[in-house]
N, C-alpha and C. Protein backbone atom coordinates (compact mmCIF):
# COMPACT_ATOMS: atom_id res chain seq x y z
N UNK A 1 -83.97 116.87 -38.30
CA UNK A 1 -84.33 115.25 -37.71
C UNK A 1 -84.87 115.64 -36.69
N UNK A 2 -86.37 114.64 -36.31
CA UNK A 2 -86.85 115.19 -34.88
C UNK A 2 -86.25 113.95 -34.02
N UNK A 3 -86.54 114.24 -32.68
CA UNK A 3 -85.88 113.34 -31.72
C UNK A 3 -86.83 111.35 -32.18
N UNK A 4 -87.92 111.38 -32.18
CA UNK A 4 -88.44 110.00 -33.01
C UNK A 4 -87.85 109.72 -34.25
N UNK A 5 -87.28 110.17 -35.34
CA UNK A 5 -86.72 109.86 -36.09
C UNK A 5 -85.25 108.92 -35.62
N UNK A 6 -84.31 110.54 -34.52
CA UNK A 6 -83.18 110.08 -34.23
C UNK A 6 -82.91 108.69 -33.16
N UNK A 7 -84.28 108.01 -32.83
CA UNK A 7 -84.65 107.05 -31.54
C UNK A 7 -84.66 106.06 -32.75
N UNK A 8 -85.59 106.03 -33.98
CA UNK A 8 -85.87 104.58 -34.43
C UNK A 8 -84.37 104.76 -35.53
N UNK A 9 -83.61 105.52 -35.46
CA UNK A 9 -82.55 104.76 -36.15
C UNK A 9 -81.26 104.44 -35.48
N UNK A 10 -81.55 104.79 -34.04
CA UNK A 10 -80.32 103.81 -33.05
C UNK A 10 -81.25 102.33 -33.05
N UNK A 11 -82.67 102.40 -32.98
CA UNK A 11 -83.12 101.13 -32.96
C UNK A 11 -82.84 100.32 -33.96
N UNK A 12 -82.76 100.83 -35.19
CA UNK A 12 -82.58 100.03 -36.54
C UNK A 12 -81.14 99.53 -36.50
N UNK A 13 -79.91 100.06 -35.71
CA UNK A 13 -78.51 99.77 -36.28
C UNK A 13 -78.56 98.82 -35.00
N UNK A 14 -78.94 98.91 -34.05
CA UNK A 14 -79.25 97.52 -33.12
C UNK A 14 -79.78 96.57 -33.05
N UNK A 15 -81.06 96.81 -33.64
CA UNK A 15 -81.82 95.61 -34.15
C UNK A 15 -81.02 94.70 -35.37
N UNK A 16 -80.27 95.24 -36.59
CA UNK A 16 -79.34 95.12 -37.29
C UNK A 16 -78.35 93.94 -36.94
N UNK A 17 -77.66 94.43 -35.40
CA UNK A 17 -76.31 93.50 -35.14
C UNK A 17 -77.22 92.46 -34.27
N UNK A 18 -78.32 92.38 -33.90
CA UNK A 18 -78.79 91.06 -33.07
C UNK A 18 -79.20 89.82 -33.78
N UNK A 19 -79.62 90.73 -35.19
CA UNK A 19 -80.49 90.01 -36.31
C UNK A 19 -78.49 89.12 -36.63
N UNK A 20 -77.64 89.97 -37.00
CA UNK A 20 -76.23 89.38 -37.51
C UNK A 20 -76.03 88.09 -36.64
N UNK A 21 -76.08 88.44 -35.29
CA UNK A 21 -76.08 87.39 -34.43
C UNK A 21 -76.95 86.45 -34.05
N UNK A 22 -77.95 86.85 -34.63
CA UNK A 22 -79.03 85.22 -34.73
C UNK A 22 -79.26 84.98 -32.88
N UNK A 23 -79.67 86.33 -32.59
CA UNK A 23 -80.13 85.71 -30.99
C UNK A 23 -81.72 86.19 -30.51
N UNK A 24 -82.00 85.24 -30.16
CA UNK A 24 -83.66 85.69 -29.26
C UNK A 24 -83.35 87.49 -28.82
N UNK A 25 -84.22 88.16 -29.10
CA UNK A 25 -84.13 89.39 -28.74
C UNK A 25 -85.47 89.90 -27.74
N UNK A 26 -84.89 90.47 -26.34
CA UNK A 26 -85.60 91.21 -25.23
C UNK A 26 -85.95 92.67 -26.00
N UNK A 27 -86.94 92.67 -26.28
CA UNK A 27 -87.32 94.32 -27.00
C UNK A 27 -88.39 94.72 -25.88
N UNK A 28 -87.77 96.18 -25.52
CA UNK A 28 -88.78 96.77 -24.89
C UNK A 28 -89.14 98.47 -25.40
N UNK A 29 -90.25 98.73 -24.98
CA UNK A 29 -90.82 100.07 -25.46
C UNK A 29 -91.51 100.79 -24.30
N UNK A 30 -91.06 102.05 -24.43
CA UNK A 30 -92.17 102.74 -23.29
C UNK A 30 -92.60 103.98 -23.76
N UNK A 31 -93.80 104.72 -23.21
CA UNK A 31 -94.24 105.31 -23.13
C UNK A 31 -94.75 105.82 -22.56
N UNK A 32 -95.66 106.93 -22.14
CA UNK A 32 -95.45 107.66 -20.84
C UNK A 32 -96.29 107.15 -20.01
N UNK A 33 -97.25 106.65 -20.40
CA UNK A 33 -98.02 105.88 -19.42
C UNK A 33 -97.99 104.34 -19.39
N UNK A 34 -96.87 103.75 -19.93
CA UNK A 34 -96.78 102.28 -19.52
C UNK A 34 -95.15 101.61 -20.10
N UNK A 35 -95.14 100.77 -20.01
CA UNK A 35 -93.92 100.03 -20.48
C UNK A 35 -93.81 98.32 -21.06
N UNK A 36 -93.47 98.22 -21.69
CA UNK A 36 -93.82 96.70 -22.69
C UNK A 36 -92.34 96.46 -22.90
N UNK A 37 -92.60 94.74 -22.56
CA UNK A 37 -91.11 94.00 -23.37
C UNK A 37 -91.92 92.65 -23.80
N UNK A 38 -90.88 92.32 -25.05
CA UNK A 38 -91.41 90.83 -25.60
C UNK A 38 -90.14 90.16 -26.03
N UNK A 39 -90.20 89.17 -25.92
CA UNK A 39 -89.31 88.26 -26.66
C UNK A 39 -89.54 87.86 -27.80
N UNK A 40 -88.54 88.07 -28.64
CA UNK A 40 -88.77 87.65 -29.97
C UNK A 40 -87.94 86.49 -30.63
N UNK A 41 -88.31 85.79 -31.40
CA UNK A 41 -87.28 84.97 -32.09
C UNK A 41 -86.33 85.10 -32.57
N UNK A 42 -85.03 84.25 -33.34
CA UNK A 42 -84.28 85.16 -34.01
C UNK A 42 -84.48 85.49 -35.46
N UNK A 43 -85.05 84.92 -35.49
CA UNK A 43 -85.75 85.47 -37.45
C UNK A 43 -86.52 86.80 -37.19
N UNK A 44 -86.80 87.13 -35.98
CA UNK A 44 -87.76 88.09 -35.87
C UNK A 44 -89.31 88.35 -35.76
N UNK A 45 -89.83 87.01 -36.43
CA UNK A 45 -91.11 86.92 -37.36
C UNK A 45 -91.76 86.74 -36.10
N UNK A 46 -91.65 86.06 -34.58
CA UNK A 46 -92.42 85.18 -34.02
C UNK A 46 -92.33 86.02 -32.62
N UNK A 47 -93.46 86.34 -31.92
CA UNK A 47 -92.86 87.01 -30.43
C UNK A 47 -93.52 85.53 -29.48
N UNK A 48 -92.57 85.63 -29.13
CA UNK A 48 -92.66 84.22 -27.77
C UNK A 48 -93.38 84.42 -26.88
N UNK A 49 -93.05 85.45 -25.93
CA UNK A 49 -93.71 85.93 -24.61
C UNK A 49 -93.20 87.17 -24.45
N UNK A 50 -94.45 88.07 -23.55
CA UNK A 50 -94.32 89.62 -23.47
C UNK A 50 -95.34 90.14 -22.47
N UNK A 51 -95.19 90.96 -21.67
CA UNK A 51 -95.32 91.53 -21.09
C UNK A 51 -95.21 93.00 -20.52
N UNK A 52 -96.69 93.63 -19.91
CA UNK A 52 -96.53 95.13 -19.90
C UNK A 52 -97.19 95.30 -19.10
N UNK A 53 -97.07 96.93 -18.22
CA UNK A 53 -97.72 97.70 -17.38
C UNK A 53 -99.02 97.42 -17.91
N UNK A 54 -100.04 97.23 -18.86
CA UNK A 54 -100.92 97.47 -19.29
C UNK A 54 -101.89 96.15 -19.27
N UNK A 55 -101.29 95.03 -18.71
CA UNK A 55 -102.08 93.83 -18.31
C UNK A 55 -102.90 93.81 -17.31
N UNK A 56 -104.02 93.70 -17.46
CA UNK A 56 -105.09 93.90 -16.27
C UNK A 56 -104.49 93.32 -14.62
N UNK A 57 -104.03 92.48 -15.08
CA UNK A 57 -103.94 91.73 -13.43
C UNK A 57 -102.71 92.70 -12.70
N UNK A 58 -101.65 93.05 -13.80
CA UNK A 58 -100.66 93.98 -13.04
C UNK A 58 -101.15 95.32 -12.96
N UNK A 59 -102.24 95.75 -13.67
CA UNK A 59 -102.73 97.31 -13.21
C UNK A 59 -103.36 97.55 -11.63
N UNK A 60 -103.91 96.11 -11.62
CA UNK A 60 -104.03 96.50 -9.76
C UNK A 60 -102.87 96.38 -9.26
N UNK A 61 -101.88 95.48 -9.36
CA UNK A 61 -100.52 96.10 -8.70
C UNK A 61 -99.74 97.46 -8.39
N UNK A 62 -100.08 97.99 -9.45
CA UNK A 62 -99.33 99.03 -9.33
C UNK A 62 -99.92 100.27 -9.47
N UNK A 63 -100.11 101.39 -8.86
CA UNK A 63 -100.31 103.09 -9.38
C UNK A 63 -100.50 103.13 -11.00
N UNK A 64 -99.01 103.50 -11.31
CA UNK A 64 -98.25 103.91 -12.43
C UNK A 64 -97.76 103.13 -13.27
N UNK A 65 -98.30 103.07 -14.25
CA UNK A 65 -97.27 102.10 -15.32
C UNK A 65 -95.95 102.66 -15.87
N UNK A 66 -96.20 104.21 -15.82
CA UNK A 66 -94.93 104.41 -16.06
C UNK A 66 -93.64 105.20 -15.33
N UNK A 67 -93.72 103.90 -14.60
CA UNK A 67 -92.65 104.42 -13.18
C UNK A 67 -91.30 103.51 -13.56
N UNK A 68 -90.78 103.77 -12.70
CA UNK A 68 -89.46 102.52 -12.09
C UNK A 68 -89.54 101.41 -11.69
N UNK A 69 -90.73 101.54 -10.72
CA UNK A 69 -91.17 100.23 -9.86
C UNK A 69 -91.87 99.51 -10.96
N UNK A 70 -93.05 100.20 -11.67
CA UNK A 70 -93.48 99.07 -12.75
C UNK A 70 -92.86 98.39 -13.75
N UNK A 71 -91.41 99.06 -14.00
CA UNK A 71 -90.49 98.63 -14.84
C UNK A 71 -89.83 97.53 -14.66
N UNK A 72 -89.67 97.93 -13.18
CA UNK A 72 -89.04 96.83 -12.14
C UNK A 72 -89.98 95.58 -12.19
N UNK A 73 -91.10 95.87 -12.25
CA UNK A 73 -92.20 94.46 -12.10
C UNK A 73 -92.47 93.73 -13.04
N UNK A 74 -92.28 94.35 -14.72
CA UNK A 74 -92.18 93.74 -15.94
C UNK A 74 -90.75 93.41 -16.05
N UNK A 75 -89.71 93.86 -15.46
CA UNK A 75 -88.55 92.85 -15.87
C UNK A 75 -88.52 91.87 -15.38
N UNK A 76 -88.89 91.52 -13.93
CA UNK A 76 -89.21 90.54 -13.30
C UNK A 76 -90.40 89.41 -13.70
N UNK A 77 -91.35 89.82 -14.31
CA UNK A 77 -92.33 89.09 -15.17
C UNK A 77 -91.69 88.56 -16.46
N UNK A 78 -91.17 89.47 -17.15
CA UNK A 78 -90.22 88.87 -18.65
C UNK A 78 -89.81 87.44 -18.26
N UNK A 79 -88.85 87.99 -17.28
CA UNK A 79 -87.50 86.96 -17.12
C UNK A 79 -87.93 85.29 -16.16
N UNK A 80 -89.42 85.89 -15.66
CA UNK A 80 -90.08 84.56 -15.19
C UNK A 80 -90.76 83.79 -16.43
N UNK A 81 -91.21 84.77 -17.39
CA UNK A 81 -91.95 83.62 -18.67
C UNK A 81 -90.97 83.41 -19.44
N UNK A 82 -90.17 83.80 -19.25
CA UNK A 82 -88.67 83.17 -20.43
C UNK A 82 -88.08 81.95 -20.10
N UNK A 83 -88.40 81.83 -18.88
CA UNK A 83 -87.96 80.60 -17.60
C UNK A 83 -88.72 79.30 -17.88
N UNK A 84 -90.07 79.73 -18.31
CA UNK A 84 -91.08 78.94 -18.28
C UNK A 84 -90.79 78.15 -19.64
N UNK A 85 -90.67 79.40 -20.50
CA UNK A 85 -90.61 78.54 -21.97
C UNK A 85 -89.46 78.09 -22.80
N UNK A 86 -88.30 78.25 -21.19
CA UNK A 86 -86.90 77.42 -21.72
C UNK A 86 -86.02 78.25 -22.20
N UNK A 87 -86.06 79.75 -21.84
CA UNK A 87 -84.93 80.96 -22.43
C UNK A 87 -84.39 81.06 -21.32
N UNK A 88 -82.92 81.19 -21.31
CA UNK A 88 -82.04 82.20 -20.67
C UNK A 88 -81.18 83.26 -21.06
N UNK A 89 -80.78 83.00 -22.41
CA UNK A 89 -80.04 83.96 -22.66
C UNK A 89 -80.73 84.87 -23.84
N UNK A 90 -80.71 86.00 -23.54
CA UNK A 90 -81.08 86.83 -24.91
C UNK A 90 -80.00 88.19 -25.03
N UNK A 91 -80.80 88.57 -26.14
CA UNK A 91 -79.90 89.84 -26.54
C UNK A 91 -81.13 91.30 -26.47
N UNK A 92 -80.31 92.36 -25.69
CA UNK A 92 -81.34 93.48 -25.15
C UNK A 92 -81.37 94.45 -26.09
N UNK A 93 -82.86 94.53 -26.31
CA UNK A 93 -83.27 95.81 -27.46
C UNK A 93 -83.61 96.91 -26.81
N UNK A 94 -82.80 97.76 -26.54
CA UNK A 94 -83.50 99.02 -26.09
C UNK A 94 -84.48 99.98 -26.68
N UNK A 95 -84.50 99.39 -28.10
CA UNK A 95 -85.52 100.34 -28.91
C UNK A 95 -85.10 101.66 -29.17
N UNK A 96 -83.64 102.14 -29.15
CA UNK A 96 -83.10 103.21 -29.01
C UNK A 96 -83.42 104.46 -28.43
N UNK A 97 -83.93 103.81 -27.21
CA UNK A 97 -84.01 104.47 -25.49
C UNK A 97 -82.78 104.73 -25.12
N UNK A 98 -82.60 105.56 -24.24
CA UNK A 98 -81.31 105.73 -23.50
C UNK A 98 -81.18 104.73 -22.53
N UNK A 99 -80.09 104.42 -22.11
CA UNK A 99 -80.38 102.97 -21.07
C UNK A 99 -79.99 103.71 -19.63
N UNK A 100 -81.55 104.24 -19.26
CA UNK A 100 -81.38 104.91 -17.79
C UNK A 100 -82.94 104.93 -17.46
N UNK A 101 -83.11 105.41 -16.27
CA UNK A 101 -84.62 105.43 -16.03
C UNK A 101 -84.90 103.89 -15.86
N UNK A 102 -86.46 103.77 -16.53
CA UNK A 102 -87.28 102.62 -16.56
C UNK A 102 -86.77 101.69 -17.57
N UNK A 103 -86.09 102.16 -18.61
CA UNK A 103 -85.42 101.16 -19.54
C UNK A 103 -84.01 100.13 -18.78
N UNK A 104 -83.19 101.19 -18.01
CA UNK A 104 -82.39 100.51 -17.43
C UNK A 104 -82.81 99.68 -15.64
N UNK A 105 -83.86 100.11 -15.44
CA UNK A 105 -84.67 99.23 -14.34
C UNK A 105 -85.37 97.96 -14.82
N UNK A 106 -85.94 97.89 -15.51
CA UNK A 106 -86.92 96.92 -16.40
C UNK A 106 -85.23 95.73 -16.89
N UNK A 107 -84.28 96.08 -17.06
CA UNK A 107 -83.30 94.97 -17.31
C UNK A 107 -82.62 94.57 -16.64
N UNK A 108 -82.23 95.53 -15.51
CA UNK A 108 -81.72 94.86 -14.10
C UNK A 108 -82.39 94.26 -13.49
N UNK A 109 -83.75 94.32 -13.25
CA UNK A 109 -84.71 93.14 -12.96
C UNK A 109 -84.82 91.84 -13.59
N UNK A 110 -84.34 91.85 -15.12
CA UNK A 110 -84.44 90.86 -16.11
C UNK A 110 -83.18 90.35 -15.40
N UNK A 111 -82.27 90.66 -15.26
CA UNK A 111 -80.67 89.82 -14.73
C UNK A 111 -81.00 89.47 -13.32
N UNK A 112 -81.51 89.88 -12.64
CA UNK A 112 -81.73 89.52 -11.19
C UNK A 112 -82.19 88.44 -11.04
N UNK A 113 -83.31 88.02 -11.84
CA UNK A 113 -84.42 87.07 -11.97
C UNK A 113 -84.31 86.16 -13.15
N UNK A 114 -82.61 85.73 -13.83
CA UNK A 114 -82.23 84.73 -14.02
C UNK A 114 -81.91 84.99 -15.77
N UNK A 115 -81.76 86.36 -16.29
CA UNK A 115 -82.12 86.22 -17.63
C UNK A 115 -80.88 86.63 -17.80
N UNK A 116 -79.91 86.24 -19.15
CA UNK A 116 -78.77 86.87 -19.10
C UNK A 116 -78.61 87.41 -20.89
N UNK A 117 -78.25 88.72 -20.69
CA UNK A 117 -77.59 89.16 -21.96
C UNK A 117 -76.74 90.38 -21.30
């Protein structure tokens, strides 16, 4: 099994548990260049809001989309967008990535700006 398959297996387990809980999911994906966050409804079919370091207005604020500073900014932005649509409580889906570095920075920034998980 290669690295990607192991990550996707971990992600599948997490998503199954979140679906069982019936909670809104804060899904995070990271690539070498960018980091992405989406709020997905409990049925898993509709993206409620999203934020990413690839957005044009954010690319002007940050030099590199693949670092901890960009992840903090995305965490703050997704929390603000969630508040605007009336969401306060979510389940964190790290998509099988380890909870450190950029993923951890995004989660902590979202918590600091009002999201509960």
